[in-house]
C-alpha atoms as a PDB file:
ATOM      1  CA  MET A   1      42.807 108.508 113.429  1.00  0.00           C
ATOM      2  CA  ILE A   2      41.205 111.088 111.178  1.00  0.00           C
ATOM      3  CA  SER A   3      38.011 112.950 111.964  1.00  0.00           C
ATOM      4  CA  PHE A   4      35.963 115.077 109.642  1.00  0.00           C
ATOM      5  CA  ALA A   5      35.018 118.460 111.041  1.00  0.00           C
ATOM      6  CA  HIS A   6      32.990 121.298 109.665  1.00  0.00           C
ATOM      7  CA  SER A   7      35.330 123.528 107.745  1.00  0.00           C
ATOM      8  CA  ARG A   8      36.565 126.905 108.824  1.00  0.00           C
ATOM      9  CA  SER A   9      38.551 129.216 106.587  1.00  0.00           C
ATOM     10  CA  VAL A  10      39.144 132.371 108.585  1.00  0.00           C
ATOM     11  CA  LEU A  11      35.707 131.588 110.023  1.00  0.00           C
ATOM     12  CA  LEU A  12      34.310 131.735 106.490  1.00  0.00           C
ATOM     13  CA  ILE A  13      32.487 128.537 105.716  1.00  0.00           C
ATOM     14  CA  PHE A  14      29.276 127.553 104.028  1.00  0.00           C
ATOM     15  CA  ALA A  15      28.994 126.675 100.437  1.00  0.00           C
ATOM     16  CA  LEU A  16      28.715 128.921  97.499  1.00  0.00           C
ATOM     17  CA  VAL A  17      25.418 130.703  97.311  1.00  0.00           C
ATOM     18  CA  PHE A  18      23.682 130.849  93.974  1.00  0.00           C
ATOM     19  CA  ILE A  19      20.791 133.207  93.358  1.00  0.00           C
ATOM     20  CA  CYS A  20      19.198 132.344  90.090  1.00  0.00           C
ATOM     21  CA  SER A  21      16.349 134.194  88.459  1.00  0.00           C
ATOM     22  CA  VAL A  22      15.312 132.660  85.188  1.00  0.00           C
ATOM     23  CA  SER A  23      12.203 134.795  84.915  1.00  0.00           C
ATOM     24  CA  ASP A  24      11.238 137.944  83.071  1.00  0.00           C
ATOM     25  CA  ALA A  25      10.068 141.046  84.905  1.00  0.00           C
ATOM     26  CA  ARG A  26       6.767 140.425  86.683  1.00  0.00           C
ATOM     27  CA  PRO A  27       3.986 142.818  87.667  1.00  0.00           C
ATOM     28  CA  ILE A  28       4.534 144.012  91.233  1.00  0.00           C
ATOM     29  CA  LYS A  29       1.025 142.904  92.178  1.00  0.00           C
ATOM     30  CA  GLU A  30       1.833 139.270  91.374  1.00  0.00           C
ATOM     31  CA  VAL A  31       2.802 137.139  94.365  1.00  0.00           C
ATOM     32  CA  PRO A  32       6.501 136.309  93.902  1.00  0.00           C
ATOM     33  CA  LYS A  33       7.601 132.674  93.854  1.00  0.00           C
ATOM     34  CA  LEU A  34      10.784 131.527  95.549  1.00  0.00           C
ATOM     35  CA  ILE A  35      12.453 128.153  96.081  1.00  0.00           C
ATOM     36  CA  LEU A  36      15.107 128.089  98.818  1.00  0.00           C
ATOM     37  CA  ILE A  37      17.352 125.026  98.556  1.00  0.00           C
ATOM     38  CA  SER A  38      19.895 123.851 101.105  1.00  0.00           C
ATOM     39  CA  ILE A  39      22.624 121.392 100.086  1.00  0.00           C
ATOM     40  CA  ASP A  40      23.921 120.237 103.461  1.00  0.00           C
ATOM     41  CA  GLY A  41      27.690 120.203 103.934  1.00  0.00           C
ATOM     42  CA  PHE A  42      28.502 121.602 100.480  1.00  0.00           C
ATOM     43  CA  GLY A  43      31.908 123.202 100.936  1.00  0.00           C
ATOM     44  CA  PHE A  44      32.879 126.496  99.335  1.00  0.00           C
ATOM     45  CA  ASP A  45      35.624 124.700  97.378  1.00  0.00           C
ATOM     46  CA  TYR A  46      33.534 121.849  96.000  1.00  0.00           C
ATOM     47  CA  ILE A  47      32.610 123.611  92.766  1.00  0.00           C
ATOM     48  CA  ASN A  48      36.249 123.962  91.695  1.00  0.00           C
ATOM     49  CA  ARG A  49      37.461 120.680  93.165  1.00  0.00           C
ATOM     50  CA  ILE A  50      34.813 118.183  92.066  1.00  0.00           C
ATOM     51  CA  GLY A  51      34.893 118.975  88.338  1.00  0.00           C
ATOM     52  CA  ASN A  52      32.457 120.488  85.877  1.00  0.00           C
ATOM     53  CA  GLU A  53      31.497 117.137  84.408  1.00  0.00           C
ATOM     54  CA  ASN A  54      29.904 116.172  87.731  1.00  0.00           C
ATOM     55  CA  ILE A  55      27.818 119.331  88.195  1.00  0.00           C
ATOM     56  CA  PRO A  56      26.256 120.423  84.886  1.00  0.00           C
ATOM     57  CA  ASN A  57      23.011 121.497  86.545  1.00  0.00           C
ATOM     58  CA  LEU A  58      24.718 123.500  89.275  1.00  0.00           C
ATOM     59  CA  LEU A  59      26.692 125.222  86.545  1.00  0.00           C
ATOM     60  CA  TYR A  60      23.434 125.994  84.740  1.00  0.00           C
ATOM     61  CA  PHE A  61      22.179 127.894  87.787  1.00  0.00           C
ATOM     62  CA  ILE A  62      25.494 129.716  88.119  1.00  0.00           C
ATOM     63  CA  GLU A  63      25.471 130.762  84.472  1.00  0.00           C
ATOM     64  CA  HIS A  64      21.856 131.967  84.680  1.00  0.00           C
ATOM     65  CA  GLY A  65      22.194 133.827  87.950  1.00  0.00           C
ATOM     66  CA  SER A  66      24.632 135.326  90.450  1.00  0.00           C
ATOM     67  CA  SER A  67      27.025 133.588  92.821  1.00  0.00           C
ATOM     68  CA  VAL A  68      29.479 134.335  95.614  1.00  0.00           C
ATOM     69  CA  LYS A  69      32.657 132.526  96.624  1.00  0.00           C
ATOM     70  CA  TYR A  70      31.494 131.839 100.172  1.00  0.00           C
ATOM     71  CA  VAL A  71      29.179 133.024 102.898  1.00  0.00           C
ATOM     72  CA  LYS A  72      29.621 133.079 106.649  1.00  0.00           C
ATOM     73  CA  ASN A  73      27.955 130.493 108.788  1.00  0.00           C
ATOM     74  CA  VAL A  74      26.899 130.942 112.393  1.00  0.00           C
ATOM     75  CA  PHE A  75      28.520 129.172 115.317  1.00  0.00           C
ATOM     76  CA  PRO A  76      28.289 126.275 115.892  1.00  0.00           C
ATOM     77  CA  SER A  77      28.776 125.163 112.304  1.00  0.00           C
ATOM     78  CA  VAL A  78      26.257 122.330 112.400  1.00  0.00           C
ATOM     79  CA  THR A  79      22.975 121.649 110.645  1.00  0.00           C
ATOM     80  CA  TYR A  80      20.112 122.775 112.859  1.00  0.00           C
ATOM     81  CA  PRO A  81      21.465 126.100 114.177  1.00  0.00           C
ATOM     82  CA  ASN A  82      22.451 127.219 110.692  1.00  0.00           C
ATOM     83  CA  HIS A  83      19.227 126.156 108.992  1.00  0.00           C
ATOM     84  CA  MET A  84      17.262 128.008 111.654  1.00  0.00           C
ATOM     85  CA  SER A  85      19.450 131.074 111.123  1.00  0.00           C
ATOM     86  CA  ILE A  86      18.877 130.913 107.359  1.00  0.00           C
ATOM     87  CA  ILE A  87      15.094 131.115 107.746  1.00  0.00           C
ATOM     88  CA  SER A  88      15.048 133.522 110.719  1.00  0.00           C
ATOM     89  CA  GLY A  89      18.034 135.833 110.147  1.00  0.00           C
ATOM     90  CA  LEU A  90      19.040 135.388 113.797  1.00  0.00           C
ATOM     91  CA  TYR A  91      22.010 133.945 115.635  1.00  0.00           C
ATOM     92  CA  PRO A  92      21.478 130.727 117.644  1.00  0.00           C
ATOM     93  CA  GLU A  93      21.563 132.573 120.960  1.00  0.00           C
ATOM     94  CA  SER A  94      18.487 134.468 119.751  1.00  0.00           C
ATOM     95  CA  HIS A  95      16.481 131.777 117.955  1.00  0.00           C
ATOM     96  CA  GLY A  96      17.348 129.160 120.584  1.00  0.00           C
ATOM     97  CA  VAL A  97      18.407 126.231 118.401  1.00  0.00           C
ATOM     98  CA  VAL A  98      21.982 125.991 119.607  1.00  0.00           C
ATOM     99  CA  HIS A  99      23.004 122.559 118.344  1.00  0.00           C
ATOM    100  CA  ASN A 100      21.788 119.358 116.716  1.00  0.00           C
ATOM    101  CA  VAL A 101      21.580 117.839 120.190  1.00  0.00           C
ATOM    102  CA  PHE A 102      21.137 120.039 123.254  1.00  0.00           C
ATOM    103  CA  ARG A 103      19.665 120.061 126.729  1.00  0.00           C
ATOM    104  CA  ASP A 104      17.065 122.607 127.842  1.00  0.00           C
ATOM    105  CA  ASP A 105      16.757 122.699 131.631  1.00  0.00           C
ATOM    106  CA  TYR A 106      13.684 124.930 131.454  1.00  0.00           C
ATOM    107  CA  LEU A 107      11.843 122.306 129.411  1.00  0.00           C
ATOM    108  CA  ASN A 108      13.579 119.514 131.342  1.00  0.00           C
ATOM    109  CA  ASP A 109      14.116 117.791 128.018  1.00  0.00           C
ATOM    110  CA  THR A 110      16.767 117.165 125.369  1.00  0.00           C
ATOM    111  CA  PHE A 111      16.411 117.924 121.675  1.00  0.00           C
ATOM    112  CA  HIS A 112      17.909 115.383 119.292  1.00  0.00           C
ATOM    113  CA  LEU A 113      17.935 115.729 115.526  1.00  0.00           C
ATOM    114  CA  ASP A 114      17.118 112.031 115.086  1.00  0.00           C
ATOM    115  CA  ALA A 115      13.976 112.256 117.247  1.00  0.00           C
ATOM    116  CA  PHE A 116      12.086 113.494 114.208  1.00  0.00           C
ATOM    117  CA  PHE A 117       8.752 114.041 115.954  1.00  0.00           C
ATOM    118  CA  GLN A 118      10.496 116.817 117.870  1.00  0.00           C
ATOM    119  CA  ASN A 119      10.679 118.647 114.531  1.00  0.00           C
ATOM    120  CA  PHE A 120       6.943 119.243 114.909  1.00  0.00           C
ATOM    121  CA  ASP A 121       7.188 120.391 118.531  1.00  0.00           C
ATOM    122  CA  SER A 122       7.029 124.186 118.591  1.00  0.00           C
ATOM    123  CA  ARG A 123       8.643 124.341 122.026  1.00  0.00           C
ATOM    124  CA  TRP A 124      12.049 123.938 120.414  1.00  0.00           C
ATOM    125  CA  PHE A 125      11.607 126.442 117.590  1.00  0.00           C
ATOM    126  CA  ASP A 126       8.927 129.039 118.371  1.00  0.00           C
ATOM    127  CA  ASN A 127      10.857 131.491 120.539  1.00  0.00           C
ATOM    128  CA  GLY A 128       9.124 134.681 119.467  1.00  0.00           C
ATOM    129  CA  GLN A 129      11.036 135.278 116.242  1.00  0.00           C
ATOM    130  CA  GLU A 130       9.678 135.588 112.743  1.00  0.00           C
ATOM    131  CA  VAL A 131      10.771 132.966 110.228  1.00  0.00           C
ATOM    132  CA  ILE A 132      10.544 133.188 106.476  1.00  0.00           C
ATOM    133  CA  TYR A 133       7.276 131.277 106.221  1.00  0.00           C
ATOM    134  CA  SER A 134       5.504 133.246 108.955  1.00  0.00           C
ATOM    135  CA  SER A 135       6.599 136.478 107.267  1.00  0.00           C
ATOM    136  CA  ASN A 136       5.492 135.105 103.917  1.00  0.00           C
ATOM    137  CA  ARG A 137       1.981 134.498 105.244  1.00  0.00           C
ATOM    138  CA  ARG A 138       1.754 138.135 106.345  1.00  0.00           C
ATOM    139  CA  GLY A 139       2.374 139.444 102.816  1.00  0.00           C
ATOM    140  CA  ASN A 140      -0.235 140.600 100.358  1.00  0.00           C
ATOM    141  CA  GLY A 141      -2.172 138.091  98.314  1.00  0.00           C
ATOM    142  CA  LEU A 142      -2.469 134.326  98.653  1.00  0.00           C
ATOM    143  CA  ARG A 143       0.787 133.109 100.180  1.00  0.00           C
ATOM    144  CA  GLU A 144       1.568 129.554 101.216  1.00  0.00           C
ATOM    145  CA  THR A 145       4.809 127.755 102.068  1.00  0.00           C
ATOM    146  CA  GLY A 146       5.802 124.131 101.517  1.00  0.00           C
ATOM    147  CA  SER A 147       8.733 122.686 103.459  1.00  0.00           C
ATOM    148  CA  VAL A 148      10.487 119.482 102.390  1.00  0.00           C
ATOM    149  CA  LEU A 149      12.520 118.157 105.344  1.00  0.00           C
ATOM    150  CA  TRP A 150      13.955 121.598 106.216  1.00  0.00           C
ATOM    151  CA  PRO A 151      15.691 121.258 109.626  1.00  0.00           C
ATOM    152  CA  GLY A 152      13.735 123.439 112.039  1.00  0.00           C
ATOM    153  CA  GLY A 153      11.289 124.471 109.336  1.00  0.00           C
ATOM    154  CA  LEU A 154       8.443 121.994 109.763  1.00  0.00           C
ATOM    155  CA  THR A 155       6.617 123.153 112.857  1.00  0.00           C
ATOM    156  CA  THR A 156       4.223 125.964 113.750  1.00  0.00           C
ATOM    157  CA  ILE A 157       5.966 129.271 114.442  1.00  0.00           C
ATOM    158  CA  LYS A 158       4.007 132.420 115.245  1.00  0.00           C
ATOM    159  CA  GLY A 159       0.844 130.563 114.401  1.00  0.00           C
ATOM    160  CA  VAL A 160       1.976 129.490 110.928  1.00  0.00           C
ATOM    161  CA  GLN A 161       2.934 125.982 109.826  1.00  0.00           C
ATOM    162  CA  PRO A 162       4.128 125.217 106.308  1.00  0.00           C
ATOM    163  CA  ARG A 163       2.849 122.308 104.314  1.00  0.00           C
ATOM    164  CA  THR A 164       4.960 119.232 104.908  1.00  0.00           C
ATOM    165  CA  ILE A 165       5.169 115.770 103.435  1.00  0.00           C
ATOM    166  CA  GLY A 166       3.614 114.227 106.534  1.00  0.00           C
ATOM    167  CA  ARG A 167       5.045 113.193 109.851  1.00  0.00           C
ATOM    168  CA  ALA A 168       5.431 109.590 108.722  1.00  0.00           C
ATOM    169  CA  PHE A 169       7.996 110.714 106.140  1.00  0.00           C
ATOM    170  CA  SER A 170       9.406 113.974 107.479  1.00  0.00           C
ATOM    171  CA  GLY A 171      12.112 112.219 109.463  1.00  0.00           C
ATOM    172  CA  ASN A 172      13.034 109.885 106.632  1.00  0.00           C
ATOM    173  CA  LEU A 173      16.160 111.183 104.923  1.00  0.00           C
ATOM    174  CA  SER A 174      16.099 108.124 102.652  1.00  0.00           C
ATOM    175  CA  LEU A 175      13.135 109.673 100.827  1.00  0.00           C
ATOM    176  CA  PRO A 176      14.319 109.908  97.201  1.00  0.00           C
ATOM    177  CA  TYR A 177      15.342 113.350  96.043  1.00  0.00           C
ATOM    178  CA  ASN A 178      13.017 113.256  93.048  1.00  0.00           C
ATOM    179  CA  THR A 179      10.115 112.417  95.372  1.00  0.00           C
ATOM    180  CA  ARG A 180      10.958 115.450  97.484  1.00  0.00           C
ATOM    181  CA  ILE A 181      10.872 117.589  94.365  1.00  0.00           C
ATOM    182  CA  ASP A 182       7.550 116.070  93.296  1.00  0.00           C
ATOM    183  CA  TYR A 183       6.008 117.201  96.586  1.00  0.00           C
ATOM    184  CA  LEU A 184       7.387 120.700  96.081  1.00  0.00           C
ATOM    185  CA  ILE A 185       6.071 120.968  92.521  1.00  0.00           C
ATOM    186  CA  LYS A 186       2.674 119.691  93.683  1.00  0.00           C
ATOM    187  CA  TRP A 187       2.445 122.492  96.235  1.00  0.00           C
ATOM    188  CA  LEU A 188       3.612 125.165  93.809  1.00  0.00           C
ATOM    189  CA  THR A 189       1.025 124.105  91.216  1.00  0.00           C
ATOM    190  CA  ASP A 190      -1.906 123.474  93.577  1.00  0.00           C
ATOM    191  CA  LYS A 191      -5.067 124.548  91.752  1.00  0.00           C
ATOM    192  CA  TYR A 192      -6.731 126.217  94.729  1.00  0.00           C
ATOM    193  CA  ARG A 193      -3.971 127.287  97.142  1.00  0.00           C
ATOM    194  CA  PRO A 194      -0.653 127.255  95.322  1.00  0.00           C
ATOM    195  CA  ALA A 195       2.445 127.758  97.431  1.00  0.00           C
ATOM    196  CA  ASN A 196       4.647 130.686  96.495  1.00  0.00           C
ATOM    197  CA  LEU A 197       7.540 129.688  98.773  1.00  0.00           C
ATOM    198  CA  GLY A 198       9.255 126.309  98.838  1.00  0.00           C
ATOM    199  CA  LEU A 199      11.948 125.110 101.245  1.00  0.00           C
ATOM    200  CA  LEU A 200      13.866 122.106  99.913  1.00  0.00           C
ATOM    201  CA  TYR A 201      16.536 120.211 101.847  1.00  0.00           C
ATOM    202  CA  PHE A 202      19.169 117.777 100.563  1.00  0.00           C
ATOM    203  CA  ASP A 203      21.097 115.887 103.245  1.00  0.00           C
ATOM    204  CA  GLU A 204      24.044 115.192 100.933  1.00  0.00           C
ATOM    205  CA  PRO A 205      26.973 115.619 100.611  1.00  0.00           C
ATOM    206  CA  ASP A 206      27.022 116.065 104.401  1.00  0.00           C
ATOM    207  CA  GLU A 207      26.165 112.430 105.153  1.00  0.00           C
ATOM    208  CA  SER A 208      28.920 111.099 102.885  1.00  0.00           C
ATOM    209  CA  GLY A 209      31.384 113.723 104.084  1.00  0.00           C
ATOM    210  CA  HIS A 210      31.023 112.643 107.698  1.00  0.00           C
ATOM    211  CA  LYS A 211      31.250 108.962 106.843  1.00  0.00           C
ATOM    212  CA  PHE A 212      34.017 108.943 104.253  1.00  0.00           C
ATOM    213  CA  GLY A 213      35.654 112.369 104.457  1.00  0.00           C
ATOM    214  CA  PRO A 214      35.254 115.517 102.363  1.00  0.00           C
ATOM    215  CA  ASN A 215      37.921 114.523  99.821  1.00  0.00           C
ATOM    216  CA  SER A 216      36.530 111.060  99.181  1.00  0.00           C
ATOM    217  CA  PRO A 217      35.094 109.666  95.919  1.00  0.00           C
ATOM    218  CA  GLU A 218      31.871 109.087  97.844  1.00  0.00           C
ATOM    219  CA  VAL A 219      31.433 112.847  98.304  1.00  0.00           C
ATOM    220  CA  THR A 220      31.868 113.392  94.574  1.00  0.00           C
ATOM    221  CA  LYS A 221      29.222 110.735  93.985  1.00  0.00           C
ATOM    222  CA  ALA A 222      26.903 112.416  96.512  1.00  0.00           C
ATOM    223  CA  VAL A 223      27.349 115.813  94.840  1.00  0.00           C
ATOM    224  CA  ARG A 224      26.541 114.210  91.495  1.00  0.00           C
ATOM    225  CA  ARG A 225      23.355 112.806  93.039  1.00  0.00           C
ATOM    226  CA  VAL A 226      22.333 116.284  94.200  1.00  0.00           C
ATOM    227  CA  ASP A 227      23.177 117.716  90.798  1.00  0.00           C
ATOM    228  CA  ASN A 228      20.945 115.114  89.134  1.00  0.00           C
ATOM    229  CA  ALA A 229      18.137 116.174  91.474  1.00  0.00           C
ATOM    230  CA  LEU A 230      18.624 119.797  90.453  1.00  0.00           C
ATOM    231  CA  GLY A 231      18.337 118.711  86.836  1.00  0.00           C
ATOM    232  CA  TYR A 232      15.080 116.976  87.681  1.00  0.00           C
ATOM    233  CA  LEU A 233      13.856 120.120  89.449  1.00  0.00           C
ATOM    234  CA  LYS A 234      14.647 122.217  86.384  1.00  0.00           C
ATOM    235  CA  GLN A 235      12.792 119.704  84.201  1.00  0.00           C
ATOM    236  CA  LYS A 236       9.678 119.690  86.406  1.00  0.00           C
ATOM    237  CA  LEU A 237       9.635 123.483  86.653  1.00  0.00           C
ATOM    238  CA  ASN A 238       9.810 123.681  82.889  1.00  0.00           C
ATOM    239  CA  GLU A 239       7.051 121.100  82.400  1.00  0.00           C
ATOM    240  CA  SER A 240       4.775 122.924  84.851  1.00  0.00           C
ATOM    241  CA  GLY A 241       5.402 126.324  83.288  1.00  0.00           C
ATOM    242  CA  LEU A 242       7.101 127.678  86.405  1.00  0.00           C
ATOM    243  CA  LEU A 243      10.662 127.963  85.166  1.00  0.00           C
ATOM    244  CA  GLY A 244      10.063 131.471  83.879  1.00  0.00           C
ATOM    245  CA  SER A 245       8.332 132.739  87.003  1.00  0.00           C
ATOM    246  CA  VAL A 246      10.295 131.424  89.986  1.00  0.00           C
ATOM    247  CA  ASP A 247      13.451 132.605  91.731  1.00  0.00           C
ATOM    248  CA  ILE A 248      15.811 129.996  93.167  1.00  0.00           C
ATOM    249  CA  ILE A 249      18.365 130.359  95.961  1.00  0.00           C
ATOM    250  CA  LEU A 250      20.904 127.558  96.397  1.00  0.00           C
ATOM    251  CA  THR A 251      22.951 127.606  99.577  1.00  0.00           C
ATOM    252  CA  SER A 252      24.362 125.407 102.325  1.00  0.00           C
ATOM    253  CA  ASP A 253      24.791 125.416 106.066  1.00  0.00           C
ATOM    254  CA  HIS A 254      28.508 124.635 106.331  1.00  0.00           C
ATOM    255  CA  GLY A 255      31.442 123.052 104.575  1.00  0.00           C
ATOM    256  CA  MET A 256      33.828 120.372 105.778  1.00  0.00           C
ATOM    257  CA  LEU A 257      37.550 119.779 106.318  1.00  0.00           C
ATOM    258  CA  SER A 258      39.617 116.813 107.421  1.00  0.00           C
ATOM    259  CA  VAL A 259      41.247 117.268 110.840  1.00  0.00           C
ATOM    260  CA  ASP A 260      43.647 115.169 112.888  1.00  0.00           C
ATOM    261  CA  LYS A 261      43.810 117.196 116.095  1.00  0.00           C
ATOM    262  CA  PHE A 262      41.666 116.408 119.107  1.00  0.00           C
ATOM    263  CA  VAL A 263      41.018 117.856 122.547  1.00  0.00           C
ATOM    264  CA  ASN A 264      40.682 115.320 125.345  1.00  0.00           C
ATOM    265  CA  ILE A 265      38.170 117.089 127.564  1.00  0.00           C
ATOM    266  CA  ASP A 266      38.908 114.723 130.440  1.00  0.00           C
ATOM    267  CA  LYS A 267      42.395 116.219 130.672  1.00  0.00           C
ATOM    268  CA  CYS A 268      40.764 119.599 131.254  1.00  0.00           C
ATOM    269  CA  VAL A 269      37.836 118.677 133.500  1.00  0.00           C
ATOM    270  CA  ASP A 270      37.315 115.711 135.786  1.00  0.00           C
ATOM    271  CA  SER A 271      34.859 113.403 134.021  1.00  0.00           C
ATOM    272  CA  GLN A 272      33.077 112.831 137.332  1.00  0.00           C
ATOM    273  CA  TRP A 273      32.029 116.476 137.431  1.00  0.00           C
ATOM    274  CA  TYR A 274      29.935 116.673 134.284  1.00  0.00           C
ATOM    275  CA  THR A 275      27.719 114.951 131.762  1.00  0.00           C
ATOM    276  CA  THR A 276      27.560 115.589 128.001  1.00  0.00           C
ATOM    277  CA  ASP A 277      25.079 115.307 125.183  1.00  0.00           C
ATOM    278  CA  GLU A 278      27.331 112.586 123.726  1.00  0.00           C
ATOM    279  CA  SER A 279      27.113 114.121 120.248  1.00  0.00           C
ATOM    280  CA  LEU A 280      29.914 113.489 117.767  1.00  0.00           C
ATOM    281  CA  SER A 281      30.716 117.032 116.773  1.00  0.00           C
ATOM    282  CA  THR A 282      33.370 119.704 116.787  1.00  0.00           C
ATOM    283  CA  VAL A 283      31.384 121.393 119.565  1.00  0.00           C
ATOM    284  CA  LEU A 284      30.637 119.550 122.794  1.00  0.00           C
ATOM    285  CA  PHE A 285      28.211 120.704 125.475  1.00  0.00           C
ATOM    286  CA  ILE A 286      29.158 119.764 129.023  1.00  0.00           C
ATOM    287  CA  TYR A 287      26.657 120.020 131.868  1.00  0.00           C
ATOM    288  CA  PRO A 288      27.874 120.297 135.476  1.00  0.00           C
ATOM    289  CA  LYS A 289      26.554 117.597 137.757  1.00  0.00           C
ATOM    290  CA  LYS A 290      24.555 118.598 140.804  1.00  0.00           C
ATOM    291  CA  GLY A 291      26.746 120.374 143.310  1.00  0.00           C
ATOM    292  CA  LYS A 292      29.487 121.149 140.765  1.00  0.00           C
ATOM    293  CA  ARG A 293      30.327 124.410 139.034  1.00  0.00           C
ATOM    294  CA  LEU A 294      32.539 124.684 135.985  1.00  0.00           C
ATOM    295  CA  ILE A 295      34.320 128.026 135.833  1.00  0.00           C
ATOM    296  CA  HIS A 296      36.247 129.100 132.750  1.00  0.00           C
ATOM    297  CA  GLN A 297      39.573 130.742 133.550  1.00  0.00           C
END
């Protein structure tokens, strides 16, 4: 049996990071515009492995900007902790989002990434830290943020909530990529309160990587789908006159590798002594049952 785990290469995972500025020098008094894009599960090796013919738009951003071979993720290498770290600059033990599924005894509740209404519940995310959109609001001039499905970036933090696509859709990862971009462009070009910061999330190729494996044809197809969306973004920015005045950061939260080694936790700890969050992940939380203590030796 083969499982697909988040990749680690000397603890260096994450995708390539591309910082692309296609704009001329702007007056310092002008409110800067930034689009931060996360391509979930995009491994550091995908650019070289998948083939240039499948990623013409990614290559456009590379050629018109700067890139690095990899960046370090935070532990655990899963979606929510890393996306929260990207927008806060903090490790999970500081921002409090320690997994995609985790128990909080203080709240007497469990967070689950699929319970999408929890994405709007500040209890899970507002732990006293600044995030990029609360800091953005504090800057000079008219500053607004729009967030398209960003994990952990939809709720009110330090009194600031970004614009979102609505709770009825914010948990719907089937929302077409071009529709997500249309929302973002609408916010950036709003006549009265234009956003200057956009957070844009793509759930692929992570979804396909978990289902079919990182080396599968399905992952190549998923990357091509993301690349097509980036081409659409470039087109809409050009049509709206924003292409020359916006900076774009493309990054990811983690990569992915195939693994065939497993740890049977029940051989280490009596299964009658603990409960788990039952998440399928490379990191498992175990919670001692009442009257039991688990001591690491």
